[in-house]
Amino acid sequence: MTQLSINTTQNVNINFTAASIGERLLAFLTDAVIQLAYLITVFWGIFYLLGLGDVMASWDDWSRIAVVVLFMLPVMFYTLTFESIFEGQTFGKRLLKIKVVKIDGYQAGFGDYLIRWLFRIVEVWGTWILALIMIVVSKKSQRLGDMSAGTAVITLKNNISINSTILEEIQEDYVPTYPSVIKLSDNDIRIIKESFELAKKNQEYAIIEKLKTKIIAVTGIKNQMGDDQYFIRTILKDYNFYTQKM
């Protein structure tokens, strides 16, 4: 599988494995089945069973088109909607444990998902073979939409050690200190941990202090620990505590 090395703004390299063509295709087919099930339910249930089709027979063409387009909107915007809601995942991607991420280390945003969706109209629903070719030949397994948005699709099933993930070992009786830590995302925590571990290894205490300051600015948390390193380690553990309970 293709290995992706994402360099964050803190100059920290985070390694991911790109999702395989098989995983992306299965996720696509899963989403297609969901969309097809919706269409069958709407057009058979509403138009046939409830008789909306007979009612529309007396309408003008533009009115009929408007109603059909209205019912088609959930399918048309399916990918854009759910990638925005689930932070880079549709139901198919969640099932296959793959996700859209930015290649600069930040969490992808609505604008990125929108660009991918616009290109998807041509790449996937138009000439779908183009998307497959681009994923195969590109160095980061990207289709044109990914290249334009600066994103990649990664697998979340990496077999890596706990030190390489956002996970922290916490005891069963662990008592968290900062509930506001849930304002951070998985990607934020990943960057914090990678930067913290590297700075601690290189004894770059100025970076650790900047990390602490940034965390406080984003979350509104007040440092009750005094020691910067202990504060950041507590943040990591608290995040794991709360997210494991979700």
C-alpha atoms as a PDB file:
ATOM      1  CA  MET A   1       0.000   0.000   0.000  1.00  0.00           C
ATOM      2  CA  THR A   2       1.051   3.591  -0.633  1.00  0.00           C
ATOM      3  CA  GLN A   3       2.545   5.342   2.398  1.00  0.00           C
ATOM      4  CA  LEU A   4       1.720   9.017   2.863  1.00  0.00           C
ATOM      5  CA  SER A   5       3.943  11.339   4.858  1.00  0.00           C
ATOM      6  CA  ILE A   6       2.057  14.449   5.960  1.00  0.00           C
ATOM      7  CA  ASN A   7       4.188  17.371   7.087  1.00  0.00           C
ATOM      8  CA  THR A   8       2.335  19.606   9.527  1.00  0.00           C
ATOM      9  CA  THR A   9       2.858  23.316  10.075  1.00  0.00           C
ATOM     10  CA  GLN A  10       4.866  22.347  13.167  1.00  0.00           C
ATOM     11  CA  ASN A  11       7.263  20.563  10.786  1.00  0.00           C
ATOM     12  CA  VAL A  12       6.237  17.171  12.130  1.00  0.00           C
ATOM     13  CA  ASN A  13       5.903  14.206   9.779  1.00  0.00           C
ATOM     14  CA  ILE A  14       2.863  11.980  10.302  1.00  0.00           C
ATOM     15  CA  ASN A  15       2.764   8.737   8.348  1.00  0.00           C
ATOM     16  CA  PHE A  16      -0.469   7.271   6.996  1.00  0.00           C
ATOM     17  CA  THR A  17      -1.362   4.451   4.643  1.00  0.00           C
ATOM     18  CA  ALA A  18      -3.425   5.431   1.609  1.00  0.00           C
ATOM     19  CA  ALA A  19      -6.692   3.558   1.196  1.00  0.00           C
ATOM     20  CA  SER A  20      -6.482   0.878  -1.477  1.00  0.00           C
ATOM     21  CA  ILE A  21      -8.526   0.944  -4.670  1.00  0.00           C
ATOM     22  CA  GLY A  22     -10.476  -2.033  -3.339  1.00  0.00           C
ATOM     23  CA  GLU A  23     -11.405  -0.205  -0.135  1.00  0.00           C
ATOM     24  CA  ARG A  24     -12.424   2.936  -2.011  1.00  0.00           C
ATOM     25  CA  LEU A  25     -14.436   0.942  -4.550  1.00  0.00           C
ATOM     26  CA  LEU A  26     -16.269  -1.020  -1.842  1.00  0.00           C
ATOM     27  CA  ALA A  27     -17.028   2.216   0.018  1.00  0.00           C
ATOM     28  CA  PHE A  28     -18.341   3.720  -3.232  1.00  0.00           C
ATOM     29  CA  LEU A  29     -20.533   0.679  -3.915  1.00  0.00           C
ATOM     30  CA  THR A  30     -21.864   0.744  -0.342  1.00  0.00           C
ATOM     31  CA  ASP A  31     -22.837   4.392  -0.735  1.00  0.00           C
ATOM     32  CA  ALA A  32     -24.351   3.627  -4.152  1.00  0.00           C
ATOM     33  CA  VAL A  33     -26.538   0.901  -2.611  1.00  0.00           C
ATOM     34  CA  ILE A  34     -27.750   3.340   0.062  1.00  0.00           C
ATOM     35  CA  GLN A  35     -28.593   5.935  -2.580  1.00  0.00           C
ATOM     36  CA  LEU A  36     -30.320   3.333  -4.754  1.00  0.00           C
ATOM     37  CA  ALA A  37     -32.389   2.145  -1.781  1.00  0.00           C
ATOM     38  CA  TYR A  38     -33.470   5.742  -1.203  1.00  0.00           C
ATOM     39  CA  LEU A  39     -34.484   6.198  -4.848  1.00  0.00           C
ATOM     40  CA  ILE A  40     -36.469   2.963  -4.874  1.00  0.00           C
ATOM     41  CA  THR A  41     -38.245   3.983  -1.666  1.00  0.00           C
ATOM     42  CA  VAL A  42     -39.098   7.432  -3.015  1.00  0.00           C
ATOM     43  CA  PHE A  43     -40.119   6.609  -6.561  1.00  0.00           C
ATOM     44  CA  TRP A  44     -41.900   3.353  -5.771  1.00  0.00           C
ATOM     45  CA  GLY A  45     -43.322   4.327  -2.407  1.00  0.00           C
ATOM     46  CA  ILE A  46     -44.268   7.944  -2.967  1.00  0.00           C
ATOM     47  CA  PHE A  47     -44.858   8.135  -6.694  1.00  0.00           C
ATOM     48  CA  TYR A  48     -46.509   4.714  -7.088  1.00  0.00           C
ATOM     49  CA  LEU A  49     -48.076   3.663  -3.780  1.00  0.00           C
ATOM     50  CA  LEU A  50     -49.167   7.143  -2.708  1.00  0.00           C
ATOM     51  CA  GLY A  51     -50.198   8.054  -6.234  1.00  0.00           C
ATOM     52  CA  LEU A  52     -48.095  11.198  -6.618  1.00  0.00           C
ATOM     53  CA  GLY A  53     -47.260  10.125 -10.167  1.00  0.00           C
ATOM     54  CA  ASP A  54     -50.939  10.194 -11.140  1.00  0.00           C
ATOM     55  CA  VAL A  55     -51.371  13.618  -9.562  1.00  0.00           C
ATOM     56  CA  MET A  56     -48.364  14.962 -11.455  1.00  0.00           C
ATOM     57  CA  ALA A  57     -49.696  13.678 -14.774  1.00  0.00           C
ATOM     58  CA  SER A  58     -51.839  16.789 -15.106  1.00  0.00           C
ATOM     59  CA  TRP A  59     -48.984  19.165 -14.270  1.00  0.00           C
ATOM     60  CA  ASP A  60     -46.812  21.003 -16.765  1.00  0.00           C
ATOM     61  CA  ASP A  61     -43.334  19.684 -17.588  1.00  0.00           C
ATOM     62  CA  TRP A  62     -41.433  22.212 -15.476  1.00  0.00           C
ATOM     63  CA  SER A  63     -43.478  21.410 -12.368  1.00  0.00           C
ATOM     64  CA  ARG A  64     -42.860  17.677 -12.798  1.00  0.00           C
ATOM     65  CA  ILE A  65     -39.144  18.255 -13.308  1.00  0.00           C
ATOM     66  CA  ALA A  66     -38.999  20.467 -10.207  1.00  0.00           C
ATOM     67  CA  VAL A  67     -40.575  17.752  -8.035  1.00  0.00           C
ATOM     68  CA  VAL A  68     -38.265  15.036  -9.381  1.00  0.00           C
ATOM     69  CA  VAL A  69     -35.192  17.221  -8.820  1.00  0.00           C
ATOM     70  CA  LEU A  70     -36.381  17.960  -5.275  1.00  0.00           C
ATOM     71  CA  PHE A  71     -36.515  14.254  -4.439  1.00  0.00           C
ATOM     72  CA  MET A  72     -33.137  13.713  -6.147  1.00  0.00           C
ATOM     73  CA  LEU A  73     -31.321  16.310  -4.000  1.00  0.00           C
ATOM     74  CA  PRO A  74     -30.352  13.856  -1.207  1.00  0.00           C
ATOM     75  CA  VAL A  75     -28.654  11.645  -3.793  1.00  0.00           C
ATOM     76  CA  MET A  76     -27.002  14.536  -5.592  1.00  0.00           C
ATOM     77  CA  PHE A  77     -25.523  15.963  -2.383  1.00  0.00           C
ATOM     78  CA  TYR A  78     -25.062  12.679  -0.509  1.00  0.00           C
ATOM     79  CA  THR A  79     -21.253  12.643  -0.552  1.00  0.00           C
ATOM     80  CA  LEU A  80     -20.812  16.355   0.134  1.00  0.00           C
ATOM     81  CA  THR A  81     -23.300  16.278   3.017  1.00  0.00           C
ATOM     82  CA  PHE A  82     -21.987  13.257   4.879  1.00  0.00           C
ATOM     83  CA  GLU A  83     -18.289  13.999   4.365  1.00  0.00           C
ATOM     84  CA  SER A  84     -18.971  17.407   5.910  1.00  0.00           C
ATOM     85  CA  ILE A  85     -20.961  15.952   8.821  1.00  0.00           C
ATOM     86  CA  PHE A  86     -18.661  13.004   9.569  1.00  0.00           C
ATOM     87  CA  GLU A  87     -15.375  14.866   8.931  1.00  0.00           C
ATOM     88  CA  GLY A  88     -14.290  13.103   5.763  1.00  0.00           C
ATOM     89  CA  GLN A  89     -16.442   9.986   5.856  1.00  0.00           C
ATOM     90  CA  THR A  90     -19.644   8.776   4.239  1.00  0.00           C
ATOM     91  CA  PHE A  91     -21.453   5.689   5.527  1.00  0.00           C
ATOM     92  CA  GLY A  92     -19.444   3.614   3.057  1.00  0.00           C
ATOM     93  CA  LYS A  93     -16.142   5.112   4.172  1.00  0.00           C
ATOM     94  CA  ARG A  94     -17.058   4.589   7.845  1.00  0.00           C
ATOM     95  CA  LEU A  95     -17.853   0.943   7.158  1.00  0.00           C
ATOM     96  CA  LEU A  96     -14.551   0.413   5.330  1.00  0.00           C
ATOM     97  CA  LYS A  97     -12.671   2.533   7.895  1.00  0.00           C
ATOM     98  CA  ILE A  98     -11.235   5.023   5.429  1.00  0.00           C
ATOM     99  CA  LYS A  99     -11.285   8.807   5.613  1.00  0.00           C
ATOM    100  CA  VAL A 100     -10.545  11.987   3.661  1.00  0.00           C
ATOM    101  CA  VAL A 101      -7.735  14.081   5.193  1.00  0.00           C
ATOM    102  CA  LYS A 102      -5.737  17.136   4.191  1.00  0.00           C
ATOM    103  CA  ILE A 103      -2.181  16.407   3.130  1.00  0.00           C
ATOM    104  CA  ASP A 104      -0.923  19.404   5.128  1.00  0.00           C
ATOM    105  CA  GLY A 105      -1.990  17.875   8.436  1.00  0.00           C
ATOM    106  CA  TYR A 106      -5.108  19.990   9.004  1.00  0.00           C
ATOM    107  CA  GLN A 107      -8.673  18.717   9.229  1.00  0.00           C
ATOM    108  CA  ALA A 108     -10.360  18.963   5.832  1.00  0.00           C
ATOM    109  CA  GLY A 109     -13.161  21.546   5.698  1.00  0.00           C
ATOM    110  CA  PHE A 110     -16.359  22.103   3.756  1.00  0.00           C
ATOM    111  CA  GLY A 111     -14.518  23.890   0.944  1.00  0.00           C
ATOM    112  CA  ASP A 112     -12.275  20.852   0.447  1.00  0.00           C
ATOM    113  CA  TYR A 113     -15.229  18.469   0.381  1.00  0.00           C
ATOM    114  CA  LEU A 114     -17.001  20.783  -2.069  1.00  0.00           C
ATOM    115  CA  ILE A 115     -14.059  20.709  -4.491  1.00  0.00           C
ATOM    116  CA  ARG A 116     -13.910  16.905  -4.294  1.00  0.00           C
ATOM    117  CA  TRP A 117     -17.671  16.729  -4.896  1.00  0.00           C
ATOM    118  CA  LEU A 118     -17.531  19.006  -7.942  1.00  0.00           C
ATOM    119  CA  PHE A 119     -14.798  16.900  -9.532  1.00  0.00           C
ATOM    120  CA  ARG A 120     -16.686  13.740  -8.539  1.00  0.00           C
ATOM    121  CA  ILE A 121     -19.499  14.702 -10.932  1.00  0.00           C
ATOM    122  CA  VAL A 122     -17.087  14.290 -13.846  1.00  0.00           C
ATOM    123  CA  GLU A 123     -14.641  11.700 -12.501  1.00  0.00           C
ATOM    124  CA  VAL A 124     -16.993   9.193 -10.931  1.00  0.00           C
ATOM    125  CA  TRP A 125     -20.393   9.665 -12.526  1.00  0.00           C
ATOM    126  CA  GLY A 126     -19.026  10.773 -15.893  1.00  0.00           C
ATOM    127  CA  THR A 127     -15.882   8.884 -16.867  1.00  0.00           C
ATOM    128  CA  TRP A 128     -15.329   6.780 -13.711  1.00  0.00           C
ATOM    129  CA  ILE A 129     -12.362   5.044 -15.335  1.00  0.00           C
ATOM    130  CA  LEU A 130     -10.499   8.374 -15.098  1.00  0.00           C
ATOM    131  CA  ALA A 131     -10.760   8.341 -11.285  1.00  0.00           C
ATOM    132  CA  LEU A 132      -9.363   4.802 -11.124  1.00  0.00           C
ATOM    133  CA  ILE A 133      -6.477   5.665 -13.435  1.00  0.00           C
ATOM    134  CA  MET A 134      -5.541   8.758 -11.420  1.00  0.00           C
ATOM    135  CA  ILE A 135      -5.612   6.817  -8.120  1.00  0.00           C
ATOM    136  CA  VAL A 136      -3.286   4.184  -9.604  1.00  0.00           C
ATOM    137  CA  VAL A 137      -0.758   6.521 -11.224  1.00  0.00           C
ATOM    138  CA  SER A 138      -0.627   9.334  -8.647  1.00  0.00           C
ATOM    139  CA  LYS A 139       2.033   9.135  -5.946  1.00  0.00           C
ATOM    140  CA  LYS A 140      -0.469   9.719  -3.139  1.00  0.00           C
ATOM    141  CA  SER A 141      -3.337   7.656  -4.589  1.00  0.00           C
ATOM    142  CA  GLN A 142      -5.304  10.810  -5.381  1.00  0.00           C
ATOM    143  CA  ARG A 143      -7.977  11.385  -7.956  1.00  0.00           C
ATOM    144  CA  LEU A 144      -8.218  14.827  -9.581  1.00  0.00           C
ATOM    145  CA  GLY A 145     -10.646  16.022  -6.929  1.00  0.00           C
ATOM    146  CA  ASP A 146      -8.139  15.130  -4.208  1.00  0.00           C
ATOM    147  CA  MET A 147      -5.305  16.864  -6.025  1.00  0.00           C
ATOM    148  CA  SER A 148      -7.365  20.037  -6.438  1.00  0.00           C
ATOM    149  CA  ALA A 149      -8.536  20.034  -2.802  1.00  0.00           C
ATOM    150  CA  GLY A 150      -5.158  19.018  -1.375  1.00  0.00           C
ATOM    151  CA  THR A 151      -6.640  15.887   0.189  1.00  0.00           C
ATOM    152  CA  ALA A 152      -6.021  12.153   0.244  1.00  0.00           C
ATOM    153  CA  VAL A 153      -8.038   9.134   1.356  1.00  0.00           C
ATOM    154  CA  ILE A 154      -6.332   7.118   4.091  1.00  0.00           C
ATOM    155  CA  THR A 155      -7.087   3.876   5.860  1.00  0.00           C
ATOM    156  CA  LEU A 156      -7.726   3.954   9.603  1.00  0.00           C
ATOM    157  CA  LYS A 157      -6.741   0.299   9.988  1.00  0.00           C
ATOM    158  CA  ASN A 158      -3.007   0.856  10.370  1.00  0.00           C
ATOM    159  CA  ASN A 159      -1.157  -1.661  12.513  1.00  0.00           C
ATOM    160  CA  ILE A 160       0.984   0.798  14.407  1.00  0.00           C
ATOM    161  CA  SER A 161       2.074   1.158  18.012  1.00  0.00           C
ATOM    162  CA  ILE A 162       0.269   3.282  20.566  1.00  0.00           C
ATOM    163  CA  ASN A 163       3.111   5.809  20.481  1.00  0.00           C
ATOM    164  CA  SER A 164       2.357   6.472  16.812  1.00  0.00           C
ATOM    165  CA  THR A 165      -1.327   7.212  17.410  1.00  0.00           C
ATOM    166  CA  ILE A 166      -3.404   9.670  19.411  1.00  0.00           C
ATOM    167  CA  LEU A 167      -4.080   6.944  21.975  1.00  0.00           C
ATOM    168  CA  GLU A 168      -2.864   7.287  25.541  1.00  0.00           C
ATOM    169  CA  GLU A 169      -2.753   4.577  28.163  1.00  0.00           C
ATOM    170  CA  ILE A 170      -5.118   5.532  30.990  1.00  0.00           C
ATOM    171  CA  GLN A 171      -6.056   3.578  34.085  1.00  0.00           C
ATOM    172  CA  GLU A 172      -9.620   2.414  34.704  1.00  0.00           C
ATOM    173  CA  ASP A 173      -9.951   4.744  37.697  1.00  0.00           C
ATOM    174  CA  TYR A 174      -8.525   7.735  35.808  1.00  0.00           C
ATOM    175  CA  VAL A 175     -10.194  11.047  36.732  1.00  0.00           C
ATOM    176  CA  PRO A 176     -10.095  13.694  33.966  1.00  0.00           C
ATOM    177  CA  THR A 177      -9.320  17.325  34.678  1.00  0.00           C
ATOM    178  CA  TYR A 178     -10.338  19.299  31.584  1.00  0.00           C
ATOM    179  CA  PRO A 179     -13.811  18.557  30.070  1.00  0.00           C
ATOM    180  CA  SER A 180     -13.297  21.318  27.467  1.00  0.00           C
ATOM    181  CA  VAL A 181     -10.662  19.160  25.781  1.00  0.00           C
ATOM    182  CA  ILE A 182     -13.429  17.730  23.573  1.00  0.00           C
ATOM    183  CA  LYS A 183     -13.325  21.009  21.615  1.00  0.00           C
ATOM    184  CA  LEU A 184     -10.253  19.525  19.948  1.00  0.00           C
ATOM    185  CA  SER A 185     -10.475  17.055  17.065  1.00  0.00           C
ATOM    186  CA  ASP A 186      -8.625  13.782  16.517  1.00  0.00           C
ATOM    187  CA  ASN A 187      -6.394  15.600  14.063  1.00  0.00           C
ATOM    188  CA  ASP A 188      -5.615  18.344  16.598  1.00  0.00           C
ATOM    189  CA  ILE A 189      -4.654  15.746  19.197  1.00  0.00           C
ATOM    190  CA  ARG A 190      -2.517  13.877  16.684  1.00  0.00           C
ATOM    191  CA  ILE A 191      -0.585  17.032  15.847  1.00  0.00           C
ATOM    192  CA  ILE A 192      -0.233  17.959  19.524  1.00  0.00           C
ATOM    193  CA  LYS A 193       1.076  14.521  20.453  1.00  0.00           C
ATOM    194  CA  GLU A 194       3.505  14.289  17.531  1.00  0.00           C
ATOM    195  CA  SER A 195       4.833  17.799  18.186  1.00  0.00           C
ATOM    196  CA  PHE A 196       5.036  17.219  21.941  1.00  0.00           C
ATOM    197  CA  GLU A 197       6.907  13.912  21.664  1.00  0.00           C
ATOM    198  CA  LEU A 198       9.375  15.347  19.155  1.00  0.00           C
ATOM    199  CA  ALA A 199       9.963  18.521  21.179  1.00  0.00           C
ATOM    200  CA  LYS A 200      10.444  16.525  24.377  1.00  0.00           C
ATOM    201  CA  LYS A 201      12.920  14.220  22.629  1.00  0.00           C
ATOM    202  CA  ASN A 202      14.918  17.172  21.294  1.00  0.00           C
ATOM    203  CA  GLN A 203      14.518  19.155  24.541  1.00  0.00           C
ATOM    204  CA  GLU A 204      12.871  22.021  22.649  1.00  0.00           C
ATOM    205  CA  TYR A 205      10.998  23.485  25.590  1.00  0.00           C
ATOM    206  CA  ALA A 206      10.010  26.624  23.694  1.00  0.00           C
ATOM    207  CA  ILE A 207       7.903  24.508  21.341  1.00  0.00           C
ATOM    208  CA  ILE A 208       6.257  22.767  24.305  1.00  0.00           C
ATOM    209  CA  GLU A 209       5.364  26.161  25.754  1.00  0.00           C
ATOM    210  CA  LYS A 210       3.902  27.274  22.408  1.00  0.00           C
ATOM    211  CA  LEU A 211       1.832  24.083  22.268  1.00  0.00           C
ATOM    212  CA  LYS A 212       0.482  24.800  25.734  1.00  0.00           C
ATOM    213  CA  THR A 213      -0.377  28.376  24.755  1.00  0.00           C
ATOM    214  CA  LYS A 214      -2.152  27.233  21.582  1.00  0.00           C
ATOM    215  CA  ILE A 215      -4.180  24.610  23.460  1.00  0.00           C
ATOM    216  CA  ILE A 216      -5.302  27.199  26.003  1.00  0.00           C
ATOM    217  CA  ALA A 217      -6.240  29.654  23.229  1.00  0.00           C
ATOM    218  CA  VAL A 218      -8.332  27.078  21.336  1.00  0.00           C
ATOM    219  CA  THR A 219     -10.072  25.390  24.262  1.00  0.00           C
ATOM    220  CA  GLY A 220     -10.219  28.142  26.873  1.00  0.00           C
ATOM    221  CA  ILE A 221      -8.700  25.734  29.396  1.00  0.00           C
ATOM    222  CA  LYS A 222      -6.647  27.198  32.232  1.00  0.00           C
ATOM    223  CA  ASN A 223      -3.460  25.374  33.112  1.00  0.00           C
ATOM    224  CA  GLN A 224      -3.965  23.959  36.597  1.00  0.00           C
ATOM    225  CA  MET A 225      -0.816  21.844  36.467  1.00  0.00           C
ATOM    226  CA  GLY A 226       1.907  24.457  36.372  1.00  0.00           C
ATOM    227  CA  ASP A 227       4.345  22.221  34.510  1.00  0.00           C
ATOM    228  CA  ASP A 228       3.859  22.503  30.725  1.00  0.00           C
ATOM    229  CA  GLN A 229       4.725  18.883  29.992  1.00  0.00           C
ATOM    230  CA  TYR A 230       2.393  17.512  32.639  1.00  0.00           C
ATOM    231  CA  PHE A 231      -0.358  19.826  31.355  1.00  0.00           C
ATOM    232  CA  ILE A 232      -0.046  18.578  27.759  1.00  0.00           C
ATOM    233  CA  ARG A 233       0.127  14.933  28.861  1.00  0.00           C
ATOM    234  CA  THR A 234      -3.050  15.499  30.886  1.00  0.00           C
ATOM    235  CA  ILE A 235      -4.738  17.030  27.844  1.00  0.00           C
ATOM    236  CA  LEU A 236      -3.898  13.933  25.787  1.00  0.00           C
ATOM    237  CA  LYS A 237      -5.169  11.574  28.484  1.00  0.00           C
ATOM    238  CA  ASP A 238      -8.345  13.575  29.088  1.00  0.00           C
ATOM    239  CA  TYR A 239      -9.139  13.580  25.368  1.00  0.00           C
ATOM    240  CA  ASN A 240      -8.761   9.804  25.263  1.00  0.00           C
ATOM    241  CA  PHE A 241     -10.927   9.439  28.369  1.00  0.00           C
ATOM    242  CA  TYR A 242     -13.823  11.481  26.971  1.00  0.00           C
ATOM    243  CA  THR A 243     -13.696  10.175  23.391  1.00  0.00           C
ATOM    244  CA  GLN A 244     -13.599   6.570  24.558  1.00  0.00           C
ATOM    245  CA  LYS A 245     -16.825   7.242  26.470  1.00  0.00           C
ATOM    246  CA  MET A 246     -18.608   8.572  23.361  1.00  0.00           C
END
